């Protein structure tokens, strides 16, 4: 099973914003050192305000 948690916000619409995601799973591969362990990876970033609302 894979769990994915996300959240985000912005200041204004449109405006600068950010997001975050956490990916979690239990390792089930062949490496005995990691077998059964919780593996987590965090991703985050930001988005700047665009000068126009038209997408190219």
Protein backbone atom coordinates (compact mmCIF):
# COMPACT_ATOMS: atom_id res chain seq x y z
CA UNK A 1 0.00 0.00 0.00
CA UNK A 2 1.14 3.54 -0.77
CA UNK A 3 -0.09 6.56 1.21
CA UNK A 4 0.09 10.06 -0.28
CA UNK A 5 -0.65 13.22 1.73
CA UNK A 6 -0.85 16.65 0.07
CA UNK A 7 -1.49 20.24 1.10
CA UNK A 8 -1.05 23.66 -0.42
CA UNK A 9 -1.98 27.31 -0.15
CA UNK A 10 -1.66 30.61 -1.97
CA UNK A 11 -1.65 34.27 -1.09
CA UNK A 12 -4.33 35.73 -3.36
CA UNK A 13 -5.85 34.30 -6.52
CA UNK A 14 -3.73 34.36 -8.60
CA UNK A 15 -0.81 34.77 -6.27
CA UNK A 16 2.33 33.14 -4.97
CA UNK A 17 1.76 29.74 -3.44
CA UNK A 18 3.34 26.56 -2.24
CA UNK A 19 2.62 22.89 -1.90
CA UNK A 20 3.86 19.87 -0.02
CA UNK A 21 3.48 16.12 -0.47
CA UNK A 22 4.54 13.16 1.64
CA UNK A 23 4.77 9.68 0.10
CA UNK A 24 4.81 6.72 2.52
CA UNK A 25 5.07 2.97 2.00
CA UNK A 26 6.36 -0.17 3.72
CA UNK A 27 9.41 -1.63 1.92
CA UNK A 28 8.68 -5.08 0.50
CA UNK A 29 11.74 -5.57 -1.73
CA UNK A 30 14.54 -8.13 -1.49
CA UNK A 31 17.00 -6.05 0.59
CA UNK A 32 16.78 -7.56 4.09
CA UNK A 33 18.18 -4.39 5.69
CA UNK A 34 15.05 -2.44 4.67
CA UNK A 35 12.39 -5.18 4.59
CA UNK A 36 9.30 -4.17 6.59
CA UNK A 37 10.57 -0.63 7.26
CA UNK A 38 8.54 2.51 6.69
CA UNK A 39 9.93 4.56 3.78
CA UNK A 40 8.95 8.25 3.53
CA UNK A 41 9.82 10.92 0.96
CA UNK A 42 8.84 14.59 1.22
CA UNK A 43 8.38 16.87 -1.79
CA UNK A 44 7.72 20.62 -1.64
CA UNK A 45 7.91 23.67 -3.82
CA UNK A 46 6.56 27.08 -4.61
CA UNK A 47 4.91 28.85 -7.48
CA UNK A 48 5.36 32.52 -8.33
CA UNK A 49 2.52 34.82 -9.32
CA UNK A 50 2.04 35.03 -13.10
CA UNK A 51 1.73 38.40 -14.81
CA UNK A 52 -1.12 37.13 -16.99
CA UNK A 53 -3.93 34.65 -16.50
CA UNK A 54 -3.53 33.27 -20.05
CA UNK A 55 -1.71 29.94 -20.38
CA UNK A 56 0.55 29.41 -23.37
